[in-house]
């Protein structure tokens, strides 16, 4: 009995509980203030239910066939899959996402011995404007840029374009649904 009383008097039995309590408090504050992401899903403004995504413009000067269609289709599919905002026509939409492809660059990424190009990096930059049509304000206007690497000919170049468009579409979706 005396051993138990000494144990209680010394406070040794409280140390694990205090440690767990401090870890719990730290986790709560880190979750609220330290982490920009949430496990509860996106944080789209509650008054926005629908979004219009008109065909992207291509002002890149690259003359890449089908580039604007590819971006528009990939972006639309990302929003459909995400399911936070329903795709709608501009006339009935709560929000509008306008995209302009401003550049497409294709440069060597890896040069091997003898100055042979082993891999190329294709970078696409898109100017995006996201508008809240209900409150009649621009939520953001910014550029998104991403790349796709490829080696080889035209078919591999197409896969580099698709990779860059896929990455940019992910970035745009993320900023649109969680940038509030």
N, C-alpha and C. Protein backbone atom coordinates (compact mmCIF):
# COMPACT_ATOMS: atom_id res chain seq x y z
N UNK A 1 0.81 -1.18 0.00
CA UNK A 1 0.00 0.00 0.00
C UNK A 1 0.86 1.26 0.00
N UNK A 2 1.98 1.19 0.71
CA UNK A 2 2.86 2.34 0.80
C UNK A 2 3.49 2.66 -0.56
N UNK A 3 3.78 1.64 -1.35
CA UNK A 3 4.36 1.84 -2.69
C UNK A 3 3.36 2.59 -3.57
N UNK A 4 2.10 2.21 -3.49
CA UNK A 4 1.06 2.88 -4.27
C UNK A 4 0.92 4.33 -3.85
N UNK A 5 0.92 4.58 -2.56
CA UNK A 5 0.81 5.96 -2.06
C UNK A 5 2.00 6.81 -2.50
N UNK A 6 3.20 6.26 -2.46
CA UNK A 6 4.38 6.98 -2.92
C UNK A 6 4.28 7.27 -4.43
N UNK A 7 3.76 6.30 -5.17
CA UNK A 7 3.58 6.47 -6.61
C UNK A 7 2.61 7.61 -6.90
N UNK A 8 1.52 7.65 -6.17
CA UNK A 8 0.51 8.70 -6.35
C UNK A 8 1.06 10.05 -5.89
N UNK A 9 1.75 10.07 -4.75
CA UNK A 9 2.31 11.32 -4.23
C UNK A 9 3.36 11.89 -5.17
N UNK A 10 4.13 11.04 -5.81
CA UNK A 10 5.19 11.53 -6.70
C UNK A 10 4.63 12.09 -8.00
N UNK A 11 3.42 11.75 -8.33
CA UNK A 11 2.78 12.26 -9.55
C UNK A 11 3.21 11.50 -10.79
N UNK A 12 3.92 10.40 -10.65
CA UNK A 12 4.41 9.63 -11.80
C UNK A 12 3.29 9.09 -12.66
N UNK A 13 2.17 8.77 -12.03
CA UNK A 13 1.07 8.21 -12.81
C UNK A 13 0.42 9.27 -13.69
N UNK A 14 0.61 10.55 -13.39
CA UNK A 14 0.00 11.63 -14.18
C UNK A 14 0.79 11.95 -15.45
N UNK A 15 2.06 11.65 -15.46
CA UNK A 15 2.91 12.02 -16.60
C UNK A 15 2.38 11.49 -17.93
N UNK A 16 1.98 10.22 -18.03
CA UNK A 16 1.43 9.75 -19.32
C UNK A 16 0.16 10.49 -19.73
N UNK A 17 -0.69 10.81 -18.75
CA UNK A 17 -1.93 11.51 -19.06
C UNK A 17 -1.65 12.95 -19.51
N UNK A 18 -0.72 13.59 -18.86
CA UNK A 18 -0.35 14.97 -19.24
C UNK A 18 0.24 14.97 -20.64
N UNK A 19 1.09 14.00 -20.91
CA UNK A 19 1.70 13.90 -22.24
C UNK A 19 0.63 13.69 -23.32
N UNK A 20 -0.30 12.79 -23.07
CA UNK A 20 -1.38 12.56 -24.04
C UNK A 20 -2.24 13.81 -24.21
N UNK A 21 -2.52 14.50 -23.12
CA UNK A 21 -3.30 15.73 -23.19
C UNK A 21 -2.59 16.79 -24.03
N UNK A 22 -1.30 16.96 -23.81
CA UNK A 22 -0.54 17.95 -24.58
C UNK A 22 -0.47 17.58 -26.07
N UNK A 23 -0.30 16.31 -26.34
CA UNK A 23 -0.29 15.86 -27.74
C UNK A 23 -1.65 16.14 -28.39
N UNK A 24 -2.73 15.87 -27.66
CA UNK A 24 -4.07 16.13 -28.19
C UNK A 24 -4.29 17.61 -28.48
N UNK A 25 -3.87 18.47 -27.55
CA UNK A 25 -4.02 19.92 -27.74
C UNK A 25 -3.20 20.38 -28.93
N UNK A 26 -1.96 19.91 -29.03
CA UNK A 26 -1.10 20.29 -30.15
C UNK A 26 -1.72 19.85 -31.48
N UNK A 27 -2.27 18.63 -31.50
CA UNK A 27 -2.89 18.12 -32.73
C UNK A 27 -4.06 18.98 -33.16
N UNK A 28 -4.85 19.42 -32.20
CA UNK A 28 -6.00 20.26 -32.53
C UNK A 28 -5.54 21.58 -33.14
N UNK A 29 -4.56 22.23 -32.49
CA UNK A 29 -4.08 23.51 -33.00
C UNK A 29 -3.35 23.35 -34.33
N UNK A 30 -2.58 22.29 -34.48
CA UNK A 30 -1.89 22.06 -35.74
C UNK A 30 -2.89 21.81 -36.86
N UNK A 31 -3.96 21.09 -36.54
CA UNK A 31 -4.99 20.83 -37.54
C UNK A 31 -5.74 22.07 -37.93
N UNK A 32 -5.97 22.96 -37.00
CA UNK A 32 -6.75 24.16 -37.29
C UNK A 32 -5.92 25.25 -37.95
N UNK A 33 -4.67 25.40 -37.48
CA UNK A 33 -3.90 26.55 -37.91
C UNK A 33 -2.69 26.21 -38.77
N UNK A 34 -2.18 25.02 -38.67
CA UNK A 34 -0.93 24.71 -39.34
C UNK A 34 -1.09 24.02 -40.68
N UNK A 35 -2.25 23.51 -40.95
CA UNK A 35 -2.42 22.71 -42.17
C UNK A 35 -3.44 23.37 -43.08
N UNK A 36 -3.05 23.69 -44.32
CA UNK A 36 -3.99 24.35 -45.21
C UNK A 36 -5.03 23.42 -45.81
N UNK A 37 -4.90 22.11 -45.61
CA UNK A 37 -5.82 21.18 -46.20
C UNK A 37 -6.75 20.60 -45.15
N UNK A 38 -7.87 20.16 -45.59
CA UNK A 38 -8.87 19.61 -44.69
C UNK A 38 -9.30 18.25 -45.20
N UNK A 39 -9.68 17.35 -44.29
CA UNK A 39 -10.19 16.05 -44.70
C UNK A 39 -11.69 16.09 -44.94
N UNK A 40 -12.29 17.23 -44.70
CA UNK A 40 -13.74 17.32 -44.82
C UNK A 40 -14.18 17.68 -46.24
N UNK A 41 -13.27 17.73 -47.18
CA UNK A 41 -13.62 18.06 -48.55
C UNK A 41 -13.34 19.50 -48.87
N UNK A 42 -13.81 19.94 -50.01
CA UNK A 42 -13.54 21.28 -50.50
C UNK A 42 -14.39 22.30 -49.77
N UNK A 43 -14.00 23.54 -49.93
CA UNK A 43 -14.68 24.61 -49.22
C UNK A 43 -15.26 25.63 -50.19
N UNK A 44 -16.03 25.17 -51.14
CA UNK A 44 -16.67 26.06 -52.10
C UNK A 44 -17.71 26.89 -51.35
N UNK A 45 -17.83 28.15 -51.70
CA UNK A 45 -18.83 29.01 -51.07
C UNK A 45 -20.21 28.37 -51.22
N UNK A 46 -21.01 28.37 -50.16
CA UNK A 46 -22.29 27.65 -50.20
C UNK A 46 -23.29 28.17 -51.23
N UNK A 47 -23.15 29.42 -51.65
CA UNK A 47 -24.09 29.95 -52.64
C UNK A 47 -23.74 29.55 -54.07
N UNK A 48 -22.58 28.92 -54.26
CA UNK A 48 -22.17 28.47 -55.59
C UNK A 48 -22.48 26.98 -55.76
N UNK A 49 -23.33 26.70 -56.72
CA UNK A 49 -23.73 25.31 -56.99
C UNK A 49 -23.30 24.86 -58.39
N UNK A 50 -23.22 25.81 -59.32
CA UNK A 50 -22.92 25.48 -60.72
C UNK A 50 -21.79 26.34 -61.25
N UNK A 51 -21.11 25.83 -62.28
CA UNK A 51 -20.00 26.55 -62.89
C UNK A 51 -20.05 26.36 -64.41
N UNK A 52 -19.74 27.41 -65.12
CA UNK A 52 -19.62 27.35 -66.59
C UNK A 52 -18.14 27.40 -66.95
N UNK A 53 -17.75 26.53 -67.87
CA UNK A 53 -16.37 26.49 -68.34
C UNK A 53 -16.41 26.61 -69.87
N UNK A 54 -16.36 27.85 -70.39
CA UNK A 54 -16.37 28.00 -71.85
C UNK A 54 -15.05 27.50 -72.45
N UNK A 55 -15.05 27.28 -73.77
CA UNK A 55 -13.82 26.82 -74.42
C UNK A 55 -12.69 27.80 -74.14
N UNK A 56 -11.54 27.25 -73.81
CA UNK A 56 -10.35 28.06 -73.55
C UNK A 56 -9.91 28.74 -74.84
N UNK A 57 -9.31 29.90 -74.68
CA UNK A 57 -8.71 30.58 -75.83
C UNK A 57 -7.25 30.16 -75.90
N UNK A 58 -6.71 30.12 -77.11
CA UNK A 58 -5.29 29.80 -77.29
C UNK A 58 -4.59 31.01 -77.88
N UNK A 59 -3.88 31.74 -77.03
CA UNK A 59 -3.09 32.89 -77.46
C UNK A 59 -1.60 32.60 -77.36
N UNK A 60 -1.26 31.33 -77.34
CA UNK A 60 0.14 30.93 -77.17
C UNK A 60 0.97 31.15 -78.42
N UNK A 61 0.33 31.19 -79.56
CA UNK A 61 1.07 31.32 -80.82
C UNK A 61 1.73 30.03 -81.24
N UNK A 62 1.44 28.94 -80.56
CA UNK A 62 2.08 27.66 -80.86
C UNK A 62 1.43 26.93 -82.03
N UNK A 63 0.20 27.28 -82.34
CA UNK A 63 -0.56 26.62 -83.41
C UNK A 63 -0.67 25.11 -83.16
N UNK A 64 -0.70 24.73 -81.90
CA UNK A 64 -0.84 23.32 -81.52
C UNK A 64 -2.29 22.91 -81.75
N UNK A 65 -2.55 21.99 -82.67
CA UNK A 65 -3.93 21.60 -82.95
C UNK A 65 -4.61 20.93 -81.75
N UNK A 66 -5.82 21.37 -81.46
CA UNK A 66 -6.63 20.74 -80.41
C UNK A 66 -6.24 21.10 -78.99
N UNK A 67 -5.33 22.04 -78.80
CA UNK A 67 -4.85 22.37 -77.46
C UNK A 67 -5.96 22.97 -76.60
N UNK A 68 -6.68 23.92 -77.12
CA UNK A 68 -7.74 24.57 -76.33
C UNK A 68 -8.87 23.59 -76.01
N UNK A 69 -9.18 22.70 -76.95
CA UNK A 69 -10.22 21.71 -76.72
C UNK A 69 -9.78 20.71 -75.65
N UNK A 70 -8.51 20.30 -75.71
CA UNK A 70 -7.98 19.36 -74.74
C UNK A 70 -8.04 19.94 -73.33
N UNK A 71 -7.61 21.20 -73.17
CA UNK A 71 -7.66 21.85 -71.86
C UNK A 71 -9.10 21.94 -71.35
N UNK A 72 -10.00 22.38 -72.20
CA UNK A 72 -11.40 22.55 -71.80
C UNK A 72 -12.03 21.22 -71.40
N UNK A 73 -11.80 20.18 -72.19
CA UNK A 73 -12.37 18.87 -71.90
C UNK A 73 -11.80 18.28 -70.61
N UNK A 74 -10.49 18.41 -70.41
CA UNK A 74 -9.85 17.86 -69.22
C UNK A 74 -10.33 18.60 -67.97
N UNK A 75 -10.42 19.90 -68.06
CA UNK A 75 -10.87 20.72 -66.93
C UNK A 75 -12.33 20.41 -66.58
N UNK A 76 -13.17 20.31 -67.60
CA UNK A 76 -14.58 19.98 -67.39
C UNK A 76 -14.71 18.62 -66.72
N UNK A 77 -13.93 17.65 -67.18
CA UNK A 77 -13.99 16.30 -66.59
C UNK A 77 -13.53 16.31 -65.14
N UNK A 78 -12.52 17.11 -64.83
CA UNK A 78 -12.04 17.21 -63.44
C UNK A 78 -13.15 17.74 -62.53
N UNK A 79 -13.88 18.76 -63.00
CA UNK A 79 -14.97 19.32 -62.20
C UNK A 79 -16.12 18.33 -62.05
N UNK A 80 -16.40 17.57 -63.10
CA UNK A 80 -17.44 16.55 -63.02
C UNK A 80 -17.05 15.48 -62.00
N UNK A 81 -15.81 15.03 -62.06
CA UNK A 81 -15.33 14.00 -61.14
C UNK A 81 -15.30 14.51 -59.70
N UNK A 82 -14.94 15.77 -59.51
CA UNK A 82 -14.85 16.36 -58.17
C UNK A 82 -16.23 16.51 -57.54
N UNK A 83 -17.23 16.90 -58.33
CA UNK A 83 -18.63 16.97 -57.92
C UNK A 83 -18.95 18.04 -56.87
N UNK A 84 -18.09 19.05 -56.70
CA UNK A 84 -18.41 20.16 -55.80
C UNK A 84 -19.27 21.20 -56.51
N UNK A 85 -19.00 21.40 -57.78
CA UNK A 85 -19.77 22.32 -58.60
C UNK A 85 -20.26 21.57 -59.83
N UNK A 86 -21.52 21.74 -60.15
CA UNK A 86 -22.10 21.09 -61.33
C UNK A 86 -21.81 21.94 -62.56
N UNK A 87 -21.51 21.30 -63.67
CA UNK A 87 -21.25 22.01 -64.92
C UNK A 87 -22.57 22.54 -65.46
N UNK A 88 -22.55 23.80 -65.92
CA UNK A 88 -23.76 24.45 -66.40
C UNK A 88 -23.42 25.37 -67.57
N UNK A 89 -24.44 25.80 -68.26
CA UNK A 89 -24.28 26.83 -69.30
C UNK A 89 -24.02 28.18 -68.62
N UNK A 90 -23.35 29.05 -69.31
CA UNK A 90 -22.99 30.36 -68.75
C UNK A 90 -24.23 31.15 -68.32
N UNK A 91 -25.31 31.04 -69.07
CA UNK A 91 -26.52 31.81 -68.78
C UNK A 91 -27.19 31.43 -67.47
N UNK A 92 -26.94 30.21 -66.98
CA UNK A 92 -27.58 29.78 -65.74
C UNK A 92 -26.58 29.41 -64.63
N UNK A 93 -25.31 29.69 -64.85
CA UNK A 93 -24.27 29.30 -63.89
C UNK A 93 -24.12 30.31 -62.76
N UNK A 94 -23.69 29.80 -61.60
CA UNK A 94 -23.38 30.64 -60.45
C UNK A 94 -21.95 31.17 -60.52
N UNK A 95 -21.09 30.44 -61.24
CA UNK A 95 -19.68 30.82 -61.34
C UNK A 95 -19.20 30.60 -62.78
N UNK A 96 -18.10 31.28 -63.10
CA UNK A 96 -17.54 31.21 -64.45
C UNK A 96 -16.04 31.02 -64.35
N UNK A 97 -15.50 30.08 -65.12
CA UNK A 97 -14.07 29.82 -65.16
C UNK A 97 -13.58 30.03 -66.58
N UNK A 98 -12.86 31.13 -66.79
CA UNK A 98 -12.35 31.48 -68.12
C UNK A 98 -10.86 31.19 -68.17
N UNK A 99 -10.42 30.50 -69.23
CA UNK A 99 -9.02 30.11 -69.37
C UNK A 99 -8.47 30.60 -70.71
N UNK A 100 -7.25 31.13 -70.65
CA UNK A 100 -6.54 31.56 -71.85
C UNK A 100 -5.16 30.93 -71.81
N UNK A 101 -4.84 30.13 -72.81
CA UNK A 101 -3.50 29.53 -72.90
C UNK A 101 -2.58 30.63 -73.41
N UNK A 102 -1.62 31.03 -72.59
CA UNK A 102 -0.76 32.16 -72.96
C UNK A 102 0.59 31.73 -73.51
N UNK A 103 1.03 30.52 -73.17
CA UNK A 103 2.30 30.07 -73.76
C UNK A 103 2.42 28.55 -73.74
N UNK A 104 3.18 28.06 -74.69
CA UNK A 104 3.57 26.67 -74.78
C UNK A 104 5.03 26.67 -75.19
N UNK A 105 5.89 26.17 -74.33
CA UNK A 105 7.31 26.10 -74.66
C UNK A 105 7.74 24.65 -74.68
N UNK A 106 8.68 24.35 -75.54
CA UNK A 106 9.19 23.00 -75.71
C UNK A 106 10.71 23.10 -75.78
N UNK A 107 11.38 22.71 -74.71
CA UNK A 107 12.84 22.87 -74.63
C UNK A 107 13.49 21.56 -74.21
N UNK A 108 14.77 21.40 -74.54
CA UNK A 108 15.48 20.20 -74.07
C UNK A 108 15.51 20.15 -72.54
N UNK A 109 15.25 18.98 -71.98
CA UNK A 109 15.29 18.80 -70.53
C UNK A 109 16.55 18.04 -70.13
N UNK A 110 16.89 17.01 -70.90
CA UNK A 110 18.09 16.21 -70.63
C UNK A 110 18.88 16.10 -71.93
N UNK A 111 20.12 16.54 -71.85
CA UNK A 111 21.02 16.44 -73.01
C UNK A 111 22.09 15.42 -72.66
N UNK A 112 22.20 14.39 -73.48
CA UNK A 112 23.18 13.33 -73.21
C UNK A 112 24.50 13.64 -73.90
N UNK A 113 25.43 12.75 -73.76
CA UNK A 113 26.75 12.92 -74.37
C UNK A 113 26.61 13.17 -75.87
N UNK A 114 27.45 14.01 -76.38
CA UNK A 114 27.39 14.35 -77.80
C UNK A 114 26.29 15.35 -78.11
N UNK A 115 25.79 15.99 -77.11
CA UNK A 115 24.74 17.01 -77.23
C UNK A 115 23.47 16.49 -77.89
N UNK A 116 23.18 15.22 -77.66
CA UNK A 116 21.92 14.63 -78.13
C UNK A 116 20.85 14.87 -77.08
N UNK A 117 19.68 15.29 -77.53
CA UNK A 117 18.57 15.54 -76.61
C UNK A 117 17.92 14.21 -76.25
N UNK A 118 17.99 13.85 -74.97
CA UNK A 118 17.42 12.59 -74.51
C UNK A 118 15.97 12.77 -74.06
N UNK A 119 15.64 13.97 -73.59
CA UNK A 119 14.30 14.24 -73.10
C UNK A 119 13.98 15.72 -73.29
N UNK A 120 12.71 16.00 -73.53
CA UNK A 120 12.27 17.38 -73.71
C UNK A 120 11.21 17.72 -72.67
N UNK A 121 11.13 18.98 -72.32
CA UNK A 121 10.12 19.46 -71.35
C UNK A 121 9.21 20.45 -72.06
N UNK A 122 7.94 20.11 -72.05
CA UNK A 122 6.92 20.95 -72.66
C UNK A 122 6.17 21.65 -71.51
N UNK A 123 6.18 22.97 -71.49
CA UNK A 123 5.55 23.74 -70.43
C UNK A 123 4.41 24.56 -71.00
N UNK A 124 3.26 24.48 -70.33
CA UNK A 124 2.08 25.24 -70.74
C UNK A 124 1.71 26.19 -69.62
N UNK A 125 1.39 27.43 -69.99
CA UNK A 125 0.95 28.43 -69.03
C UNK A 125 -0.45 28.90 -69.41
N UNK A 126 -1.33 28.93 -68.41
CA UNK A 126 -2.73 29.29 -68.64
C UNK A 126 -3.11 30.42 -67.69
N UNK A 127 -3.69 31.48 -68.24
CA UNK A 127 -4.25 32.58 -67.44
C UNK A 127 -5.70 32.22 -67.13
N UNK A 128 -6.04 32.19 -65.83
CA UNK A 128 -7.37 31.76 -65.41
C UNK A 128 -8.05 32.87 -64.63
N UNK A 129 -9.32 33.10 -64.95
CA UNK A 129 -10.16 34.03 -64.20
C UNK A 129 -11.36 33.26 -63.69
N UNK A 130 -11.54 33.29 -62.36
CA UNK A 130 -12.66 32.61 -61.73
C UNK A 130 -13.58 33.69 -61.16
N UNK A 131 -14.82 33.70 -61.66
CA UNK A 131 -15.78 34.73 -61.27
C UNK A 131 -16.97 34.13 -60.54
N UNK A 132 -17.37 34.81 -59.48
CA UNK A 132 -18.59 34.51 -58.75
C UNK A 132 -19.67 35.36 -59.41
N UNK A 133 -20.54 34.73 -60.18
CA UNK A 133 -21.58 35.47 -60.90
C UNK A 133 -22.74 35.87 -60.00
N UNK A 134 -22.90 35.21 -58.87
CA UNK A 134 -23.97 35.55 -57.93
C UNK A 134 -23.65 36.87 -57.23
N UNK A 135 -22.43 36.96 -56.72
CA UNK A 135 -22.02 38.18 -56.02
C UNK A 135 -21.32 39.19 -56.93
N UNK A 136 -21.22 38.83 -58.20
CA UNK A 136 -20.65 39.70 -59.22
C UNK A 136 -19.26 40.21 -58.85
N UNK A 137 -18.37 39.24 -58.58
CA UNK A 137 -17.00 39.61 -58.25
C UNK A 137 -16.03 38.56 -58.80
N UNK A 138 -14.80 39.00 -59.01
CA UNK A 138 -13.76 38.09 -59.45
C UNK A 138 -13.12 37.48 -58.21
N UNK A 139 -13.15 36.16 -58.12
CA UNK A 139 -12.58 35.46 -56.97
C UNK A 139 -11.07 35.42 -57.10
N UNK A 140 -10.58 35.05 -58.28
CA UNK A 140 -9.13 35.13 -58.52
C UNK A 140 -8.87 35.26 -60.01
N UNK A 141 -7.70 35.79 -60.28
CA UNK A 141 -7.18 35.91 -61.64
C UNK A 141 -5.69 35.62 -61.53
N UNK A 142 -5.27 34.47 -62.06
CA UNK A 142 -3.87 34.09 -61.90
C UNK A 142 -3.42 33.17 -63.02
N UNK A 143 -2.11 33.00 -63.09
CA UNK A 143 -1.54 32.10 -64.09
C UNK A 143 -1.16 30.78 -63.45
N UNK A 144 -1.41 29.72 -64.19
CA UNK A 144 -1.02 28.38 -63.79
C UNK A 144 -0.07 27.85 -64.85
N UNK A 145 1.01 27.25 -64.41
CA UNK A 145 2.00 26.73 -65.34
C UNK A 145 2.43 25.35 -64.88
N UNK A 146 2.51 24.42 -65.81
CA UNK A 146 2.99 23.09 -65.47
C UNK A 146 3.58 22.45 -66.72
N UNK A 147 4.18 21.28 -66.54
CA UNK A 147 4.96 20.70 -67.63
C UNK A 147 4.67 19.21 -67.80
N UNK A 148 5.13 18.72 -68.93
CA UNK A 148 5.14 17.30 -69.22
C UNK A 148 6.43 16.98 -69.95
N UNK A 149 7.11 15.94 -69.54
CA UNK A 149 8.36 15.54 -70.19
C UNK A 149 8.07 14.43 -71.19
N UNK A 150 8.85 14.42 -72.26
CA UNK A 150 8.71 13.37 -73.26
C UNK A 150 10.03 13.20 -73.99
N UNK A 151 10.16 12.07 -74.67
CA UNK A 151 11.32 11.84 -75.53
C UNK A 151 10.80 11.15 -76.78
N UNK A 152 11.30 11.54 -77.89
CA UNK A 152 10.85 10.92 -79.13
C UNK A 152 10.12 11.88 -80.04
N UNK A 153 9.18 11.32 -80.79
CA UNK A 153 8.51 12.08 -81.84
C UNK A 153 7.17 12.67 -81.45
N UNK A 154 6.31 12.82 -82.45
CA UNK A 154 5.03 13.49 -82.30
C UNK A 154 4.12 12.79 -81.30
N UNK A 155 4.03 11.48 -81.32
CA UNK A 155 3.13 10.78 -80.39
C UNK A 155 3.59 10.96 -78.95
N UNK A 156 4.89 10.96 -78.73
CA UNK A 156 5.41 11.20 -77.38
C UNK A 156 5.19 12.66 -76.98
N UNK A 157 5.29 13.57 -77.93
CA UNK A 157 5.04 14.99 -77.64
C UNK A 157 3.59 15.18 -77.19
N UNK A 158 2.69 14.47 -77.82
CA UNK A 158 1.28 14.53 -77.44
C UNK A 158 1.09 14.07 -76.00
N UNK A 159 1.81 13.04 -75.60
CA UNK A 159 1.70 12.59 -74.21
C UNK A 159 2.28 13.63 -73.25
N UNK A 160 3.30 14.37 -73.66
CA UNK A 160 3.84 15.46 -72.85
C UNK A 160 2.82 16.58 -72.69
N UNK A 161 2.11 16.89 -73.76
CA UNK A 161 1.06 17.91 -73.70
C UNK A 161 -0.05 17.45 -72.77
N UNK A 162 -0.47 16.20 -72.91
CA UNK A 162 -1.54 15.68 -72.06
C UNK A 162 -1.14 15.68 -70.59
N UNK A 163 0.10 15.35 -70.29
CA UNK A 163 0.59 15.37 -68.91
C UNK A 163 0.56 16.80 -68.35
N UNK A 164 1.02 17.76 -69.12
CA UNK A 164 1.01 19.16 -68.67
C UNK A 164 -0.42 19.66 -68.45
N UNK A 165 -1.31 19.35 -69.38
CA UNK A 165 -2.72 19.76 -69.27
C UNK A 165 -3.37 19.10 -68.04
N UNK A 166 -3.06 17.85 -67.80
CA UNK A 166 -3.61 17.15 -66.64
C UNK A 166 -3.16 17.82 -65.34
N UNK A 167 -1.89 18.15 -65.24
CA UNK A 167 -1.36 18.80 -64.03
C UNK A 167 -1.97 20.19 -63.84
N UNK A 168 -2.07 20.95 -64.91
CA UNK A 168 -2.65 22.29 -64.82
C UNK A 168 -4.12 22.20 -64.41
N UNK A 169 -4.84 21.25 -64.97
CA UNK A 169 -6.26 21.08 -64.63
C UNK A 169 -6.42 20.75 -63.15
N UNK A 170 -5.55 19.91 -62.62
CA UNK A 170 -5.58 19.60 -61.18
C UNK A 170 -5.34 20.87 -60.36
N UNK A 171 -4.35 21.66 -60.77
CA UNK A 171 -4.03 22.90 -60.04
C UNK A 171 -5.20 23.88 -60.06
N UNK A 172 -5.82 24.03 -61.22
CA UNK A 172 -6.94 24.96 -61.36
C UNK A 172 -8.13 24.49 -60.51
N UNK A 173 -8.44 23.22 -60.57
CA UNK A 173 -9.53 22.66 -59.77
C UNK A 173 -9.27 22.90 -58.29
N UNK A 174 -8.09 22.58 -57.84
CA UNK A 174 -7.75 22.74 -56.42
C UNK A 174 -7.92 24.19 -55.96
N UNK A 175 -7.40 25.13 -56.75
CA UNK A 175 -7.54 26.55 -56.37
C UNK A 175 -8.99 27.01 -56.41
N UNK A 176 -9.76 26.47 -57.33
CA UNK A 176 -11.14 26.89 -57.48
C UNK A 176 -12.01 26.40 -56.34
N UNK A 177 -11.86 25.14 -55.95
CA UNK A 177 -12.75 24.60 -54.93
C UNK A 177 -12.24 24.77 -53.51
N UNK A 178 -10.96 25.10 -53.35
CA UNK A 178 -10.46 25.25 -51.98
C UNK A 178 -9.83 26.61 -51.71
N UNK A 179 -9.90 27.50 -52.67
CA UNK A 179 -9.26 28.80 -52.51
C UNK A 179 -10.11 29.84 -51.81
N UNK A 180 -11.07 29.40 -51.03
CA UNK A 180 -11.95 30.35 -50.35
C UNK A 180 -11.38 30.64 -49.02
